[in-house]
Amino acid sequence: MPKIDGAIVVDVNRCKGCNLCVVACPTHTLSLTTKEVNHKGYHYCEDTGGGCIGCASCAIVCPDACITVYKKRTE
């Protein structure tokens, strides 16, 4: 049976760093950047490297619709 992994894409320029997605993520896959900011001066969310299950909780709570979640099949 194939395994389903998730992948997220964050629109960095629209993210205002509200941290709602980080709190909503059940696998603690997201975090806010600490050293970089977007063109508006906000720390933005980023994938900290794997662990995403594709539940889309982050995208649902994002008030600015900055996050797109994809599900990918792995063997």
C-alpha atoms as a PDB file:
ATOM      1  CA  MET A   1       0.000   0.000   0.000  1.00  0.00           C
ATOM      2  CA  PRO A   2       1.484   3.374  -0.989  1.00  0.00           C
ATOM      3  CA  LYS A   3       2.166   5.975   1.649  1.00  0.00           C
ATOM      4  CA  ILE A   4       0.837   9.523   1.329  1.00  0.00           C
ATOM      5  CA  ASP A   5       3.145  12.375   2.278  1.00  0.00           C
ATOM      6  CA  GLY A   6       2.341  16.048   2.256  1.00  0.00           C
ATOM      7  CA  ALA A   7       4.171  18.989   0.787  1.00  0.00           C
ATOM      8  CA  ILE A   8       3.472  22.641   1.401  1.00  0.00           C
ATOM      9  CA  VAL A   9       4.165  25.739  -0.630  1.00  0.00           C
ATOM     10  CA  VAL A  10       4.135  29.066   1.190  1.00  0.00           C
ATOM     11  CA  ASP A  11       3.579  32.364  -0.611  1.00  0.00           C
ATOM     12  CA  VAL A  12       6.372  34.100   1.278  1.00  0.00           C
ATOM     13  CA  ASN A  13       5.464  37.587   0.101  1.00  0.00           C
ATOM     14  CA  ARG A  14       1.898  37.336   1.437  1.00  0.00           C
ATOM     15  CA  CYS A  15       2.728  35.721   4.795  1.00  0.00           C
ATOM     16  CA  LYS A  16       2.557  38.121   7.750  1.00  0.00           C
ATOM     17  CA  GLY A  17       4.014  35.748  10.324  1.00  0.00           C
ATOM     18  CA  CYS A  18       0.895  35.391  12.477  1.00  0.00           C
ATOM     19  CA  ASN A  19       2.106  31.947  13.705  1.00  0.00           C
ATOM     20  CA  LEU A  20      -1.365  30.341  13.442  1.00  0.00           C
ATOM     21  CA  CYS A  21      -0.120  27.686  11.017  1.00  0.00           C
ATOM     22  CA  VAL A  22       2.769  26.754  13.301  1.00  0.00           C
ATOM     23  CA  VAL A  23       0.392  26.208  16.212  1.00  0.00           C
ATOM     24  CA  ALA A  24      -2.108  24.254  14.069  1.00  0.00           C
ATOM     25  CA  CYS A  25       0.435  21.792  12.629  1.00  0.00           C
ATOM     26  CA  PRO A  26       0.047  18.420  14.400  1.00  0.00           C
ATOM     27  CA  THR A  27       3.492  17.205  13.294  1.00  0.00           C
ATOM     28  CA  HIS A  28       5.365  20.440  14.152  1.00  0.00           C
ATOM     29  CA  THR A  29       6.596  20.711  10.594  1.00  0.00           C
ATOM     30  CA  LEU A  30       6.302  24.490  10.312  1.00  0.00           C
ATOM     31  CA  SER A  31       8.189  27.308  11.972  1.00  0.00           C
ATOM     32  CA  LEU A  32       8.728  31.013  11.456  1.00  0.00           C
ATOM     33  CA  THR A  33      12.021  32.170   9.999  1.00  0.00           C
ATOM     34  CA  THR A  34      14.368  33.786  12.464  1.00  0.00           C
ATOM     35  CA  LYS A  35      16.955  35.430  10.230  1.00  0.00           C
ATOM     36  CA  GLU A  36      14.998  36.330   7.097  1.00  0.00           C
ATOM     37  CA  VAL A  37      12.010  38.562   6.421  1.00  0.00           C
ATOM     38  CA  ASN A  38       9.817  39.052   3.370  1.00  0.00           C
ATOM     39  CA  HIS A  39       9.539  42.315   1.435  1.00  0.00           C
ATOM     40  CA  LYS A  40       7.001  43.628   3.981  1.00  0.00           C
ATOM     41  CA  GLY A  41       9.393  43.012   6.878  1.00  0.00           C
ATOM     42  CA  TYR A  42       7.600  40.005   8.390  1.00  0.00           C
ATOM     43  CA  HIS A  43       9.132  36.711   9.455  1.00  0.00           C
ATOM     44  CA  TYR A  44       7.348  34.110   7.335  1.00  0.00           C
ATOM     45  CA  CYS A  45       6.536  30.446   7.884  1.00  0.00           C
ATOM     46  CA  GLU A  46       8.599  27.701   6.322  1.00  0.00           C
ATOM     47  CA  ASP A  47       8.726  23.922   6.210  1.00  0.00           C
ATOM     48  CA  THR A  48      11.393  22.737   8.637  1.00  0.00           C
ATOM     49  CA  GLY A  49      12.085  19.623   6.609  1.00  0.00           C
ATOM     50  CA  GLY A  50       9.777  16.687   6.262  1.00  0.00           C
ATOM     51  CA  GLY A  51       7.109  15.241   8.468  1.00  0.00           C
ATOM     52  CA  CYS A  52       4.170  16.834   6.667  1.00  0.00           C
ATOM     53  CA  ILE A  53       1.212  14.448   6.451  1.00  0.00           C
ATOM     54  CA  GLY A  54      -0.892  16.623   4.140  1.00  0.00           C
ATOM     55  CA  CYS A  55      -3.673  17.289   6.661  1.00  0.00           C
ATOM     56  CA  ALA A  56      -4.024  20.935   5.490  1.00  0.00           C
ATOM     57  CA  SER A  57      -4.619  22.263   9.010  1.00  0.00           C
ATOM     58  CA  CYS A  58      -2.105  25.014   8.325  1.00  0.00           C
ATOM     59  CA  ALA A  59      -3.853  26.096   5.132  1.00  0.00           C
ATOM     60  CA  ILE A  60      -7.269  26.076   6.805  1.00  0.00           C
ATOM     61  CA  VAL A  61      -6.250  28.415   9.633  1.00  0.00           C
ATOM     62  CA  CYS A  62      -4.145  30.772   7.493  1.00  0.00           C
ATOM     63  CA  PRO A  63      -6.073  34.084   7.376  1.00  0.00           C
ATOM     64  CA  ASP A  64      -4.281  35.229   4.223  1.00  0.00           C
ATOM     65  CA  ALA A  65      -4.443  31.940   2.264  1.00  0.00           C
ATOM     66  CA  CYS A  66      -0.668  31.842   1.892  1.00  0.00           C
ATOM     67  CA  ILE A  67      -0.288  28.075   2.165  1.00  0.00           C
ATOM     68  CA  THR A  68      -1.037  25.455  -0.459  1.00  0.00           C
ATOM     69  CA  VAL A  69      -0.892  21.801   0.574  1.00  0.00           C
ATOM     70  CA  TYR A  70      -0.177  18.988  -1.849  1.00  0.00           C
ATOM     71  CA  LYS A  71      -0.406  15.270  -1.218  1.00  0.00           C
ATOM     72  CA  LYS A  72       2.137  13.042  -2.909  1.00  0.00           C
ATOM     73  CA  ARG A  73       2.236   9.286  -3.078  1.00  0.00           C
ATOM     74  CA  THR A  74       5.453   7.548  -2.080  1.00  0.00           C
ATOM     75  CA  GLU A  75       6.214   3.872  -2.465  1.00  0.00           C
END
